[in-house]
Amino acid sequence: MKAPDKRCCGSGVCIINDAGECWCGQVWDGEKMSAPPLMSVRSKPSDPSPEFKDPKPGS
């Protein structure tokens, strides 16, 4: 059995991938496990990708 990951939040059940993301949704911020940052509406692209556009404009 391999040694426990030192990035664990203390629950003892953390499964952390190479990107520092745990199965529970927390992420490694370089110092501790914490909730991921929220995405604001302003940070989303204003024009959705072409595969999500209405194929028949005006209908």
PDB file of N, CA and C in Angstrom:
ATOM      1  N   MET A   1       0.848  -1.178   0.000  1.00  0.00           N
ATOM      2  CA  MET A   1       0.000   0.000   0.000  1.00  0.00           C
ATOM      3  C   MET A   1       0.890   1.237   0.000  1.00  0.00           C
ATOM      4  N   LYS A   2       0.568   2.231  -0.847  1.00  0.00           N
ATOM      5  CA  LYS A   2       1.415   3.409  -0.900  1.00  0.00           C
ATOM      6  C   LYS A   2       1.076   4.377   0.232  1.00  0.00           C
ATOM      7  N   ALA A   3       2.022   5.236   0.543  1.00  0.00           N
ATOM      8  CA  ALA A   3       1.849   6.202   1.629  1.00  0.00           C
ATOM      9  C   ALA A   3       0.712   7.159   1.313  1.00  0.00           C
ATOM     10  N   PRO A   4      -0.024   7.613   2.340  1.00  0.00           N
ATOM     11  CA  PRO A   4      -1.113   8.567   2.103  1.00  0.00           C
ATOM     12  C   PRO A   4      -0.584   9.871   1.507  1.00  0.00           C
ATOM     13  N   ASP A   5      -1.400  10.481   0.659  1.00  0.00           N
ATOM     14  CA  ASP A   5      -1.043  11.754   0.031  1.00  0.00           C
ATOM     15  C   ASP A   5      -1.021  12.837   1.097  1.00  0.00           C
ATOM     16  N   LYS A   6       0.059  13.599   1.171  1.00  0.00           N
ATOM     17  CA  LYS A   6       0.195  14.659   2.178  1.00  0.00           C
ATOM     18  C   LYS A   6      -0.747  15.824   1.922  1.00  0.00           C
ATOM     19  N   ARG A   7      -1.380  15.863   0.739  1.00  0.00           N
ATOM     20  CA  ARG A   7      -2.323  16.937   0.418  1.00  0.00           C
ATOM     21  C   ARG A   7      -3.720  16.642   0.944  1.00  0.00           C
ATOM     22  N   CYS A   8      -3.946  15.511   1.568  1.00  0.00           N
ATOM     23  CA  CYS A   8      -5.275  15.146   2.059  1.00  0.00           C
ATOM     24  C   CYS A   8      -5.811  16.191   3.025  1.00  0.00           C
ATOM     25  N   CYS A   9      -7.115  16.452   2.944  1.00  0.00           N
ATOM     26  CA  CYS A   9      -7.750  17.469   3.779  1.00  0.00           C
ATOM     27  C   CYS A   9      -7.899  17.036   5.233  1.00  0.00           C
ATOM     28  N   GLY A  10      -7.583  15.803   5.520  1.00  0.00           N
ATOM     29  CA  GLY A  10      -7.698  15.309   6.882  1.00  0.00           C
ATOM     30  C   GLY A  10      -8.772  14.249   7.031  1.00  0.00           C
ATOM     31  N   SER A  11      -9.574  14.071   6.007  1.00  0.00           N
ATOM     32  CA  SER A  11     -10.647  13.082   6.070  1.00  0.00           C
ATOM     33  C   SER A  11     -10.116  11.664   5.943  1.00  0.00           C
ATOM     34  N   GLY A  12      -8.951  11.524   5.318  1.00  0.00           N
ATOM     35  CA  GLY A  12      -8.373  10.208   5.103  1.00  0.00           C
ATOM     36  C   GLY A  12      -8.909   9.497   3.877  1.00  0.00           C
ATOM     37  N   VAL A  13      -9.782  10.134   3.137  1.00  0.00           N
ATOM     38  CA  VAL A  13     -10.373   9.498   1.958  1.00  0.00           C
ATOM     39  C   VAL A  13     -10.107  10.272   0.676  1.00  0.00           C
ATOM     40  N   CYS A  14      -9.184  11.202   0.694  1.00  0.00           N
ATOM     41  CA  CYS A  14      -8.901  11.997  -0.505  1.00  0.00           C
ATOM     42  C   CYS A  14      -8.277  11.120  -1.587  1.00  0.00           C
ATOM     43  N   ILE A  15      -8.756  11.288  -2.796  1.00  0.00           N
ATOM     44  CA  ILE A  15      -8.172  10.668  -3.989  1.00  0.00           C
ATOM     45  C   ILE A  15      -7.870  11.839  -4.906  1.00  0.00           C
ATOM     46  N   ILE A  16      -6.601  12.217  -4.993  1.00  0.00           N
ATOM     47  CA  ILE A  16      -6.192  13.434  -5.687  1.00  0.00           C
ATOM     48  C   ILE A  16      -5.476  13.071  -6.981  1.00  0.00           C
ATOM     49  N   ASN A  17      -5.930  13.666  -8.095  1.00  0.00           N
ATOM     50  CA  ASN A  17      -5.309  13.394  -9.387  1.00  0.00           C
ATOM     51  C   ASN A  17      -4.073  14.276  -9.589  1.00  0.00           C
ATOM     52  N   ASP A  18      -3.424  14.140 -10.741  1.00  0.00           N
ATOM     53  CA  ASP A  18      -2.200  14.899 -11.024  1.00  0.00           C
ATOM     54  C   ASP A  18      -2.442  16.403 -11.095  1.00  0.00           C
ATOM     55  N   ALA A  19      -3.686  16.823 -11.373  1.00  0.00           N
ATOM     56  CA  ALA A  19      -4.015  18.249 -11.448  1.00  0.00           C
ATOM     57  C   ALA A  19      -4.310  18.837 -10.067  1.00  0.00           C
ATOM     58  N   GLY A  20      -4.263  17.991  -9.011  1.00  0.00           N
ATOM     59  CA  GLY A  20      -4.518  18.465  -7.662  1.00  0.00           C
ATOM     60  C   GLY A  20      -5.987  18.514  -7.309  1.00  0.00           C
ATOM     61  N   GLU A  21      -6.830  17.819  -8.096  1.00  0.00           N
ATOM     62  CA  GLU A  21      -8.271  17.802  -7.864  1.00  0.00           C
ATOM     63  C   GLU A  21      -8.665  16.527  -7.124  1.00  0.00           C
ATOM     64  N   CYS A  22      -9.453  16.682  -6.062  1.00  0.00           N
ATOM     65  CA  CYS A  22      -9.923  15.539  -5.289  1.00  0.00           C
ATOM     66  C   CYS A  22     -11.298  15.119  -5.799  1.00  0.00           C
ATOM     67  N   TRP A  23     -11.672  13.880  -5.566  1.00  0.00           N
ATOM     68  CA  TRP A  23     -12.982  13.376  -5.991  1.00  0.00           C
ATOM     69  C   TRP A  23     -14.122  14.147  -5.338  1.00  0.00           C
ATOM     70  N   CYS A  24     -13.880  14.775  -4.181  1.00  0.00           N
ATOM     71  CA  CYS A  24     -14.938  15.491  -3.459  1.00  0.00           C
ATOM     72  C   CYS A  24     -15.149  16.908  -3.980  1.00  0.00           C
ATOM     73  N   GLY A  25     -14.290  17.364  -4.904  1.00  0.00           N
ATOM     74  CA  GLY A  25     -14.459  18.685  -5.487  1.00  0.00           C
ATOM     75  C   GLY A  25     -13.447  19.705  -5.003  1.00  0.00           C
ATOM     76  N   GLN A  26     -12.708  19.400  -3.932  1.00  0.00           N
ATOM     77  CA  GLN A  26     -11.695  20.329  -3.464  1.00  0.00           C
ATOM     78  C   GLN A  26     -10.475  20.272  -4.378  1.00  0.00           C
ATOM     79  N   VAL A  27      -9.700  21.341  -4.386  1.00  0.00           N
ATOM     80  CA  VAL A  27      -8.479  21.386  -5.197  1.00  0.00           C
ATOM     81  C   VAL A  27      -7.302  21.839  -4.330  1.00  0.00           C
ATOM     82  N   TRP A  28      -6.119  21.428  -4.712  1.00  0.00           N
ATOM     83  CA  TRP A  28      -4.898  21.812  -4.009  1.00  0.00           C
ATOM     84  C   TRP A  28      -4.504  23.208  -4.472  1.00  0.00           C
ATOM     85  N   ASP A  29      -4.396  24.157  -3.535  1.00  0.00           N
ATOM     86  CA  ASP A  29      -4.067  25.535  -3.901  1.00  0.00           C
ATOM     87  C   ASP A  29      -2.593  25.852  -3.713  1.00  0.00           C
ATOM     88  N   GLY A  30      -1.792  24.842  -3.450  1.00  0.00           N
ATOM     89  CA  GLY A  30      -0.358  25.030  -3.228  1.00  0.00           C
ATOM     90  C   GLY A  30       0.009  24.952  -1.765  1.00  0.00           C
ATOM     91  N   GLU A  31      -0.988  25.142  -0.899  1.00  0.00           N
ATOM     92  CA  GLU A  31      -0.761  25.064   0.542  1.00  0.00           C
ATOM     93  C   GLU A  31      -1.731  24.123   1.234  1.00  0.00           C
ATOM     94  N   LYS A  32      -2.974  24.083   0.750  1.00  0.00           N
ATOM     95  CA  LYS A  32      -4.002  23.276   1.400  1.00  0.00           C
ATOM     96  C   LYS A  32      -5.086  22.905   0.389  1.00  0.00           C
ATOM     97  N   MET A  33      -5.928  21.955   0.781  1.00  0.00           N
ATOM     98  CA  MET A  33      -7.089  21.602  -0.033  1.00  0.00           C
ATOM     99  C   MET A  33      -8.173  22.620   0.277  1.00  0.00           C
ATOM    100  N   SER A  34      -8.834  23.125  -0.759  1.00  0.00           N
ATOM    101  CA  SER A  34      -9.902  24.103  -0.564  1.00  0.00           C
ATOM    102  C   SER A  34     -10.907  23.998  -1.704  1.00  0.00           C
ATOM    103  N   ALA A  35     -12.037  24.662  -1.522  1.00  0.00           N
ATOM    104  CA  ALA A  35     -13.063  24.672  -2.563  1.00  0.00           C
ATOM    105  C   ALA A  35     -12.511  25.375  -3.799  1.00  0.00           C
ATOM    106  N   PRO A  36     -12.880  24.912  -4.995  1.00  0.00           N
ATOM    107  CA  PRO A  36     -12.396  25.566  -6.216  1.00  0.00           C
ATOM    108  C   PRO A  36     -12.979  26.975  -6.339  1.00  0.00           C
ATOM    109  N   PRO A  37     -12.282  27.867  -7.041  1.00  0.00           N
ATOM    110  CA  PRO A  37     -12.812  29.220  -7.231  1.00  0.00           C
ATOM    111  C   PRO A  37     -14.092  29.177  -8.064  1.00  0.00           C
ATOM    112  N   LEU A  38     -15.014  30.074  -7.749  1.00  0.00           N
ATOM    113  CA  LEU A  38     -16.260  30.147  -8.507  1.00  0.00           C
ATOM    114  C   LEU A  38     -16.021  30.864  -9.819  1.00  0.00           C
ATOM    115  N   MET A  39     -16.734  30.438 -10.857  1.00  0.00           N
ATOM    116  CA  MET A  39     -16.649  31.091 -12.165  1.00  0.00           C
ATOM    117  C   MET A  39     -17.686  32.202 -12.195  1.00  0.00           C
ATOM    118  N   SER A  40     -17.264  33.411 -12.479  1.00  0.00           N
ATOM    119  CA  SER A  40     -18.225  34.508 -12.571  1.00  0.00           C
ATOM    120  C   SER A  40     -18.860  34.525 -13.957  1.00  0.00           C
ATOM    121  N   VAL A  41     -20.002  35.171 -14.070  1.00  0.00           N
ATOM    122  CA  VAL A  41     -20.699  35.272 -15.348  1.00  0.00           C
ATOM    123  C   VAL A  41     -19.820  36.014 -16.351  1.00  0.00           C
ATOM    124  N   ARG A  42     -19.069  36.983 -15.886  1.00  0.00           N
ATOM    125  CA  ARG A  42     -18.211  37.785 -16.774  1.00  0.00           C
ATOM    126  C   ARG A  42     -17.078  36.978 -17.386  1.00  0.00           C
ATOM    127  N   SER A  43     -16.659  35.903 -16.730  1.00  0.00           N
ATOM    128  CA  SER A  43     -15.534  35.129 -17.244  1.00  0.00           C
ATOM    129  C   SER A  43     -15.951  34.114 -18.301  1.00  0.00           C
ATOM    130  N   LYS A  44     -17.261  33.916 -18.483  1.00  0.00           N
ATOM    131  CA  LYS A  44     -17.735  32.982 -19.494  1.00  0.00           C
ATOM    132  C   LYS A  44     -17.731  33.660 -20.860  1.00  0.00           C
ATOM    133  N   PRO A  45     -17.462  32.903 -21.933  1.00  0.00           N
ATOM    134  CA  PRO A  45     -17.495  33.506 -23.265  1.00  0.00           C
ATOM    135  C   PRO A  45     -18.899  33.981 -23.606  1.00  0.00           C
ATOM    136  N   SER A  46     -19.004  35.134 -24.247  1.00  0.00           N
ATOM    137  CA  SER A  46     -20.317  35.689 -24.574  1.00  0.00           C
ATOM    138  C   SER A  46     -20.929  35.015 -25.793  1.00  0.00           C
ATOM    139  N   ASP A  47     -20.110  34.413 -26.650  1.00  0.00           N
ATOM    140  CA  ASP A  47     -20.593  33.760 -27.860  1.00  0.00           C
ATOM    141  C   ASP A  47     -20.405  32.255 -27.698  1.00  0.00           C
ATOM    142  N   PRO A  48     -21.489  31.490 -27.550  1.00  0.00           N
ATOM    143  CA  PRO A  48     -21.343  30.046 -27.394  1.00  0.00           C
ATOM    144  C   PRO A  48     -20.713  29.424 -28.638  1.00  0.00           C
ATOM    145  N   SER A  49     -20.126  28.269 -28.463  1.00  0.00           N
ATOM    146  CA  SER A  49     -19.475  27.609 -29.590  1.00  0.00           C
ATOM    147  C   SER A  49     -20.505  27.241 -30.655  1.00  0.00           C
ATOM    148  N   PRO A  50     -20.077  27.103 -31.918  1.00  0.00           N
ATOM    149  CA  PRO A  50     -20.998  26.866 -33.037  1.00  0.00           C
ATOM    150  C   PRO A  50     -21.901  25.642 -32.863  1.00  0.00           C
ATOM    151  N   GLU A  51     -21.432  24.588 -32.194  1.00  0.00           N
ATOM    152  CA  GLU A  51     -22.260  23.398 -32.076  1.00  0.00           C
ATOM    153  C   GLU A  51     -23.478  23.620 -31.177  1.00  0.00           C
ATOM    154  N   PHE A  52     -23.520  24.727 -30.426  1.00  0.00           N
ATOM    155  CA  PHE A  52     -24.657  25.013 -29.566  1.00  0.00           C
ATOM    156  C   PHE A  52     -25.561  26.107 -30.125  1.00  0.00           C
ATOM    157  N   LYS A  53     -25.228  26.662 -31.273  1.00  0.00           N
ATOM    158  CA  LYS A  53     -26.061  27.702 -31.872  1.00  0.00           C
ATOM    159  C   LYS A  53     -27.274  27.075 -32.547  1.00  0.00           C
ATOM    160  N   ASP A  54     -28.361  27.854 -32.607  1.00  0.00           N
ATOM    161  CA  ASP A  54     -29.574  27.406 -33.274  1.00  0.00           C
ATOM    162  C   ASP A  54     -29.280  27.254 -34.767  1.00  0.00           C
ATOM    163  N   PRO A  55     -29.485  26.034 -35.323  1.00  0.00           N
ATOM    164  CA  PRO A  55     -29.160  25.819 -36.737  1.00  0.00           C
ATOM    165  C   PRO A  55     -30.088  26.599 -37.686  1.00  0.00           C
ATOM    166  N   LYS A  56     -31.243  27.032 -37.200  1.00  0.00           N
ATOM    167  CA  LYS A  56     -32.197  27.766 -38.030  1.00  0.00           C
ATOM    168  C   LYS A  56     -32.480  29.115 -37.385  1.00  0.00           C
ATOM    169  N   PRO A  57     -31.630  30.114 -37.640  1.00  0.00           N
ATOM    170  CA  PRO A  57     -31.874  31.419 -37.034  1.00  0.00           C
ATOM    171  C   PRO A  57     -33.212  31.994 -37.447  1.00  0.00           C
ATOM    172  N   GLY A  58     -33.894  32.637 -36.516  1.00  0.00           N
ATOM    173  CA  GLY A  58     -35.163  33.279 -36.809  1.00  0.00           C
ATOM    174  C   GLY A  58     -36.363  32.353 -36.733  1.00  0.00           C
ATOM    175  N   SER A  59     -36.160  31.090 -36.381  1.00  0.00           N
ATOM    176  CA  SER A  59     -37.321  30.193 -36.299  1.00  0.00           C
ATOM    177  C   SER A  59     -37.794  30.017 -34.896  1.00  0.00           C
TER     178      SER A  59
END
